[in-house]
Amino acid sequence: MVDYAGRNTVLAAGFAQVPKGTTLYELYTLVGCVLIIDVDDDVIVDASFTFVMEKTSDYLAHLLRGKSIANGVGEITKLIQERFLAPGQGAVLQSIRAAIDRYHEMRK
């Protein structure tokens, strides 16, 4: 569990439609991404995703923790494409982008 004490954090959420024919689509139709972001340095402190198997969400959160979003999602996109080899990869990326976009809109 991540300790948020003493950090200036916000929660940003994004959602994307899951491809038909996948197990996730049969249960949810959407994938959700929740990011806890440290506002002082634009770094992802923690993350969570709506997946049937908790291990998938845990793994994605592990990949995202500590990543800077100050310059967009390029580094994160490449990382997910290289290390998350599962159906719904595009939906995961879109949900992350949506959460980060929502965060950046708040910062304006």
N, C-alpha and C. Protein backbone atom coordinates (compact mmCIF):
# COMPACT_ATOMS: atom_id res chain seq x y z
N MET A 1 0.84 -1.18 0.00
CA MET A 1 0.00 0.00 0.00
C MET A 1 0.89 1.24 0.00
N VAL A 2 0.52 2.21 -0.82
CA VAL A 2 1.30 3.44 -0.95
C VAL A 2 0.84 4.45 0.10
N ASP A 3 1.80 5.12 0.72
CA ASP A 3 1.50 6.13 1.72
C ASP A 3 1.45 7.50 1.05
N TYR A 4 0.29 8.14 1.09
CA TYR A 4 0.12 9.44 0.46
C TYR A 4 0.34 10.59 1.45
N ALA A 5 0.60 10.28 2.70
CA ALA A 5 0.76 11.30 3.74
C ALA A 5 1.88 12.26 3.36
N GLY A 6 1.59 13.52 3.52
CA GLY A 6 2.58 14.55 3.24
C GLY A 6 2.77 14.85 1.77
N ARG A 7 1.99 14.23 0.91
CA ARG A 7 2.10 14.48 -0.53
C ARG A 7 0.89 15.25 -1.00
N ASN A 8 1.09 16.09 -1.96
CA ASN A 8 0.03 16.87 -2.58
C ASN A 8 -0.47 16.09 -3.79
N THR A 9 -1.48 15.25 -3.58
CA THR A 9 -1.93 14.35 -4.64
C THR A 9 -3.35 14.65 -5.09
N VAL A 10 -3.65 14.22 -6.31
CA VAL A 10 -5.00 14.23 -6.85
C VAL A 10 -5.28 12.86 -7.45
N LEU A 11 -6.54 12.53 -7.57
CA LEU A 11 -6.97 11.30 -8.22
C LEU A 11 -7.57 11.69 -9.56
N ALA A 12 -7.08 11.10 -10.65
CA ALA A 12 -7.61 11.35 -11.98
C ALA A 12 -8.04 10.01 -12.58
N ALA A 13 -9.20 9.99 -13.20
CA ALA A 13 -9.72 8.75 -13.76
C ALA A 13 -9.98 8.90 -15.25
N GLY A 14 -9.79 7.81 -15.97
CA GLY A 14 -10.09 7.76 -17.40
C GLY A 14 -10.68 6.41 -17.75
N PHE A 15 -11.46 6.40 -18.82
CA PHE A 15 -12.15 5.18 -19.23
C PHE A 15 -12.05 5.02 -20.74
N ALA A 16 -12.09 3.77 -21.21
CA ALA A 16 -12.07 3.48 -22.63
C ALA A 16 -12.83 2.19 -22.90
N GLN A 17 -13.40 2.09 -24.09
CA GLN A 17 -14.15 0.89 -24.46
C GLN A 17 -13.19 -0.26 -24.75
N VAL A 18 -13.55 -1.43 -24.27
CA VAL A 18 -12.76 -2.64 -24.45
C VAL A 18 -13.18 -3.31 -25.75
N PRO A 19 -12.25 -3.94 -26.47
CA PRO A 19 -12.61 -4.63 -27.70
C PRO A 19 -13.59 -5.78 -27.46
N LYS A 20 -14.55 -5.91 -28.35
CA LYS A 20 -15.51 -7.01 -28.26
C LYS A 20 -14.77 -8.34 -28.43
N GLY A 21 -15.29 -9.37 -27.79
CA GLY A 21 -14.71 -10.70 -27.90
C GLY A 21 -13.69 -11.01 -26.82
N THR A 22 -13.40 -10.05 -25.95
CA THR A 22 -12.48 -10.31 -24.85
C THR A 22 -13.28 -10.60 -23.58
N THR A 23 -12.65 -11.28 -22.64
CA THR A 23 -13.31 -11.60 -21.37
C THR A 23 -13.72 -10.32 -20.65
N LEU A 24 -12.87 -9.33 -20.67
CA LEU A 24 -13.17 -8.07 -20.00
C LEU A 24 -14.41 -7.41 -20.58
N TYR A 25 -14.57 -7.45 -21.91
CA TYR A 25 -15.73 -6.86 -22.55
C TYR A 25 -17.01 -7.54 -22.08
N GLU A 26 -16.96 -8.86 -21.95
CA GLU A 26 -18.14 -9.61 -21.52
C GLU A 26 -18.60 -9.20 -20.12
N LEU A 27 -17.67 -8.74 -19.29
CA LEU A 27 -18.01 -8.35 -17.92
C LEU A 27 -18.27 -6.86 -17.76
N TYR A 28 -17.48 -6.03 -18.42
CA TYR A 28 -17.55 -4.60 -18.13
C TYR A 28 -17.80 -3.69 -19.34
N THR A 29 -17.35 -4.01 -20.49
CA THR A 29 -17.37 -3.23 -21.73
C THR A 29 -16.43 -2.01 -21.70
N LEU A 30 -16.07 -1.54 -20.51
CA LEU A 30 -15.12 -0.43 -20.38
C LEU A 30 -13.98 -0.83 -19.46
N VAL A 31 -12.81 -0.26 -19.72
CA VAL A 31 -11.71 -0.39 -18.78
C VAL A 31 -11.54 0.98 -18.12
N GLY A 32 -11.38 0.96 -16.82
CA GLY A 32 -11.18 2.19 -16.08
C GLY A 32 -9.76 2.26 -15.54
N CYS A 33 -9.22 3.46 -15.53
CA CYS A 33 -7.88 3.70 -15.00
C CYS A 33 -7.99 4.82 -13.97
N VAL A 34 -7.47 4.56 -12.79
CA VAL A 34 -7.41 5.59 -11.75
C VAL A 34 -5.94 5.83 -11.43
N LEU A 35 -5.52 7.08 -11.53
CA LEU A 35 -4.15 7.46 -11.23
C LEU A 35 -4.13 8.39 -10.02
N ILE A 36 -3.22 8.14 -9.10
CA ILE A 36 -2.95 9.07 -8.01
C ILE A 36 -1.67 9.79 -8.44
N ILE A 37 -1.77 11.11 -8.59
CA ILE A 37 -0.67 11.89 -9.14
C ILE A 37 -0.20 12.92 -8.12
N ASP A 38 1.11 12.99 -7.92
CA ASP A 38 1.72 14.01 -7.07
C ASP A 38 1.76 15.30 -7.87
N VAL A 39 1.00 16.29 -7.43
CA VAL A 39 0.85 17.55 -8.15
C VAL A 39 2.14 18.35 -8.15
N ASP A 40 2.96 18.20 -7.13
CA ASP A 40 4.18 19.00 -7.02
C ASP A 40 5.23 18.61 -8.07
N ASP A 41 5.23 17.35 -8.49
CA ASP A 41 6.24 16.94 -9.47
C ASP A 41 5.68 16.18 -10.67
N ASP A 42 4.35 16.15 -10.81
CA ASP A 42 3.69 15.49 -11.95
C ASP A 42 4.13 14.03 -12.12
N VAL A 43 4.18 13.30 -11.02
CA VAL A 43 4.60 11.91 -11.05
C VAL A 43 3.45 11.02 -10.55
N ILE A 44 3.27 9.89 -11.21
CA ILE A 44 2.25 8.93 -10.80
C ILE A 44 2.73 8.23 -9.53
N VAL A 45 1.95 8.35 -8.48
CA VAL A 45 2.27 7.74 -7.18
C VAL A 45 1.70 6.32 -7.11
N ASP A 46 0.50 6.14 -7.68
CA ASP A 46 -0.14 4.83 -7.66
C ASP A 46 -1.17 4.78 -8.78
N ALA A 47 -1.61 3.57 -9.10
CA ALA A 47 -2.59 3.39 -10.18
C ALA A 47 -3.42 2.15 -9.90
N SER A 48 -4.59 2.12 -10.52
CA SER A 48 -5.47 0.96 -10.41
C SER A 48 -6.30 0.87 -11.69
N PHE A 49 -6.65 -0.35 -12.06
CA PHE A 49 -7.42 -0.58 -13.28
C PHE A 49 -8.55 -1.56 -12.99
N THR A 50 -9.61 -1.48 -13.79
CA THR A 50 -10.72 -2.42 -13.65
C THR A 50 -10.45 -3.62 -14.55
N PHE A 51 -10.00 -4.68 -13.95
CA PHE A 51 -9.74 -5.92 -14.68
C PHE A 51 -10.30 -7.09 -13.91
N VAL A 52 -10.61 -8.16 -14.63
CA VAL A 52 -11.14 -9.37 -14.02
C VAL A 52 -10.10 -9.95 -13.05
N MET A 53 -8.86 -9.96 -13.47
CA MET A 53 -7.79 -10.54 -12.66
C MET A 53 -6.99 -9.41 -12.01
N GLU A 54 -6.93 -9.45 -10.70
CA GLU A 54 -6.25 -8.41 -9.93
C GLU A 54 -4.78 -8.27 -10.30
N LYS A 55 -4.16 -9.37 -10.68
CA LYS A 55 -2.74 -9.36 -11.03
C LYS A 55 -2.48 -8.41 -12.20
N THR A 56 -3.41 -8.31 -13.13
CA THR A 56 -3.25 -7.41 -14.28
C THR A 56 -3.18 -5.97 -13.80
N SER A 57 -4.09 -5.59 -12.94
CA SER A 57 -4.08 -4.23 -12.39
C SER A 57 -2.81 -3.97 -11.60
N ASP A 58 -2.40 -4.95 -10.80
CA ASP A 58 -1.18 -4.81 -10.00
C ASP A 58 0.04 -4.59 -10.90
N TYR A 59 0.13 -5.36 -11.97
CA TYR A 59 1.27 -5.26 -12.87
C TYR A 59 1.32 -3.89 -13.55
N LEU A 60 0.17 -3.45 -14.05
CA LEU A 60 0.12 -2.13 -14.71
C LEU A 60 0.47 -1.02 -13.72
N ALA A 61 -0.02 -1.13 -12.50
CA ALA A 61 0.30 -0.13 -11.47
C ALA A 61 1.80 -0.11 -11.22
N HIS A 62 2.41 -1.28 -11.17
CA HIS A 62 3.86 -1.38 -10.98
C HIS A 62 4.60 -0.66 -12.10
N LEU A 63 4.14 -0.84 -13.34
CA LEU A 63 4.79 -0.18 -14.48
C LEU A 63 4.67 1.34 -14.41
N LEU A 64 3.56 1.84 -13.87
CA LEU A 64 3.30 3.28 -13.91
C LEU A 64 3.85 4.06 -12.72
N ARG A 65 4.02 3.40 -11.58
CA ARG A 65 4.50 4.11 -10.39
C ARG A 65 5.85 4.78 -10.66
N GLY A 66 5.91 6.07 -10.29
CA GLY A 66 7.15 6.82 -10.44
C GLY A 66 7.35 7.46 -11.80
N LYS A 67 6.44 7.22 -12.74
CA LYS A 67 6.58 7.79 -14.08
C LYS A 67 6.09 9.24 -14.09
N SER A 68 6.88 10.07 -14.74
CA SER A 68 6.51 11.48 -14.90
C SER A 68 5.50 11.63 -16.03
N ILE A 69 4.54 12.51 -15.83
CA ILE A 69 3.58 12.81 -16.89
C ILE A 69 3.68 14.27 -17.30
N ALA A 70 4.75 14.93 -16.89
CA ALA A 70 4.95 16.35 -17.20
C ALA A 70 5.01 16.59 -18.70
N ASN A 71 5.57 15.65 -19.44
CA ASN A 71 5.74 15.82 -20.90
C ASN A 71 4.83 14.92 -21.71
N GLY A 72 3.69 14.54 -21.16
CA GLY A 72 2.75 13.72 -21.89
C GLY A 72 2.89 12.24 -21.59
N VAL A 73 2.45 11.41 -22.55
CA VAL A 73 2.36 9.97 -22.31
C VAL A 73 3.28 9.15 -23.19
N GLY A 74 4.22 9.77 -23.88
CA GLY A 74 5.09 9.04 -24.81
C GLY A 74 5.85 7.90 -24.17
N GLU A 75 6.51 8.16 -23.05
CA GLU A 75 7.28 7.13 -22.35
C GLU A 75 6.36 6.01 -21.85
N ILE A 76 5.21 6.40 -21.32
CA ILE A 76 4.26 5.42 -20.80
C ILE A 76 3.69 4.57 -21.93
N THR A 77 3.36 5.20 -23.05
CA THR A 77 2.83 4.46 -24.20
C THR A 77 3.82 3.39 -24.65
N LYS A 78 5.07 3.77 -24.80
CA LYS A 78 6.10 2.82 -25.24
C LYS A 78 6.24 1.66 -24.24
N LEU A 79 6.25 2.00 -22.96
CA LEU A 79 6.39 0.99 -21.91
C LEU A 79 5.23 -0.02 -21.95
N ILE A 80 4.01 0.48 -22.07
CA ILE A 80 2.83 -0.41 -22.10
C ILE A 80 2.87 -1.28 -23.36
N GLN A 81 3.23 -0.69 -24.50
CA GLN A 81 3.30 -1.46 -25.74
C GLN A 81 4.33 -2.57 -25.67
N GLU A 82 5.43 -2.33 -24.97
CA GLU A 82 6.49 -3.32 -24.88
C GLU A 82 6.25 -4.39 -23.81
N ARG A 83 5.53 -4.02 -22.74
CA ARG A 83 5.48 -4.93 -21.58
C ARG A 83 4.09 -5.43 -21.20
N PHE A 84 3.04 -4.89 -21.83
CA PHE A 84 1.67 -5.37 -21.56
C PHE A 84 1.13 -6.00 -22.83
N LEU A 85 1.35 -7.28 -22.97
CA LEU A 85 1.01 -8.01 -24.20
C LEU A 85 -0.28 -8.79 -23.99
N ALA A 86 -1.39 -8.06 -24.00
CA ALA A 86 -2.68 -8.68 -23.72
C ALA A 86 -3.76 -8.01 -24.55
N PRO A 87 -4.87 -8.72 -24.80
CA PRO A 87 -6.00 -8.08 -25.46
C PRO A 87 -6.44 -6.86 -24.66
N GLY A 88 -6.81 -5.84 -25.36
CA GLY A 88 -7.25 -4.63 -24.67
C GLY A 88 -6.13 -3.63 -24.43
N GLN A 89 -4.94 -3.89 -24.98
CA GLN A 89 -3.81 -2.98 -24.79
C GLN A 89 -4.18 -1.56 -25.21
N GLY A 90 -4.85 -1.42 -26.35
CA GLY A 90 -5.25 -0.10 -26.83
C GLY A 90 -6.20 0.59 -25.88
N ALA A 91 -7.14 -0.17 -25.31
CA ALA A 91 -8.09 0.41 -24.36
C ALA A 91 -7.37 0.85 -23.08
N VAL A 92 -6.39 0.07 -22.65
CA VAL A 92 -5.61 0.46 -21.47
C VAL A 92 -4.89 1.77 -21.74
N LEU A 93 -4.23 1.87 -22.89
CA LEU A 93 -3.53 3.11 -23.24
C LEU A 93 -4.49 4.29 -23.32
N GLN A 94 -5.65 4.07 -23.92
CA GLN A 94 -6.63 5.16 -24.03
C GLN A 94 -7.14 5.59 -22.65
N SER A 95 -7.35 4.65 -21.74
CA SER A 95 -7.83 5.02 -20.40
C SER A 95 -6.75 5.80 -19.64
N ILE A 96 -5.48 5.42 -19.83
CA ILE A 96 -4.39 6.16 -19.20
C ILE A 96 -4.32 7.57 -19.77
N ARG A 97 -4.38 7.68 -21.10
CA ARG A 97 -4.36 9.01 -21.74
C ARG A 97 -5.50 9.88 -21.24
N ALA A 98 -6.68 9.29 -21.12
CA ALA A 98 -7.85 10.05 -20.66
C ALA A 98 -7.64 10.57 -19.24
N ALA A 99 -7.09 9.75 -18.36
CA ALA A 99 -6.84 10.19 -16.99
C ALA A 99 -5.78 11.29 -16.96
N ILE A 100 -4.72 11.13 -17.73
CA ILE A 100 -3.66 12.14 -17.77
C ILE A 100 -4.16 13.43 -18.39
N ASP A 101 -4.95 13.33 -19.45
CA ASP A 101 -5.54 14.53 -20.06
C ASP A 101 -6.42 15.27 -19.06
N ARG A 102 -7.22 14.53 -18.31
CA ARG A 102 -8.07 15.15 -17.29
C ARG A 102 -7.22 15.88 -16.26
N TYR A 103 -6.12 15.27 -15.85
CA TYR A 103 -5.20 15.90 -14.90
C TYR A 103 -4.63 17.20 -15.47
N HIS A 104 -4.15 17.16 -16.71
CA HIS A 104 -3.56 18.34 -17.32
C HIS A 104 -4.58 19.46 -17.50
N GLU A 105 -5.83 19.11 -17.80
CA GLU A 105 -6.89 20.12 -17.90
C GLU A 105 -7.09 20.81 -16.56
N MET A 106 -7.03 20.05 -15.48
CA MET A 106 -7.19 20.62 -14.14
C MET A 106 -6.05 21.58 -13.83
N ARG A 107 -4.86 21.26 -14.31
CA ARG A 107 -3.67 22.07 -14.00
C ARG A 107 -3.64 23.40 -14.75
N LYS A 108 -4.41 23.52 -15.82
CA LYS A 108 -4.42 24.77 -16.61
C LYS A 108 -5.03 25.91 -15.84
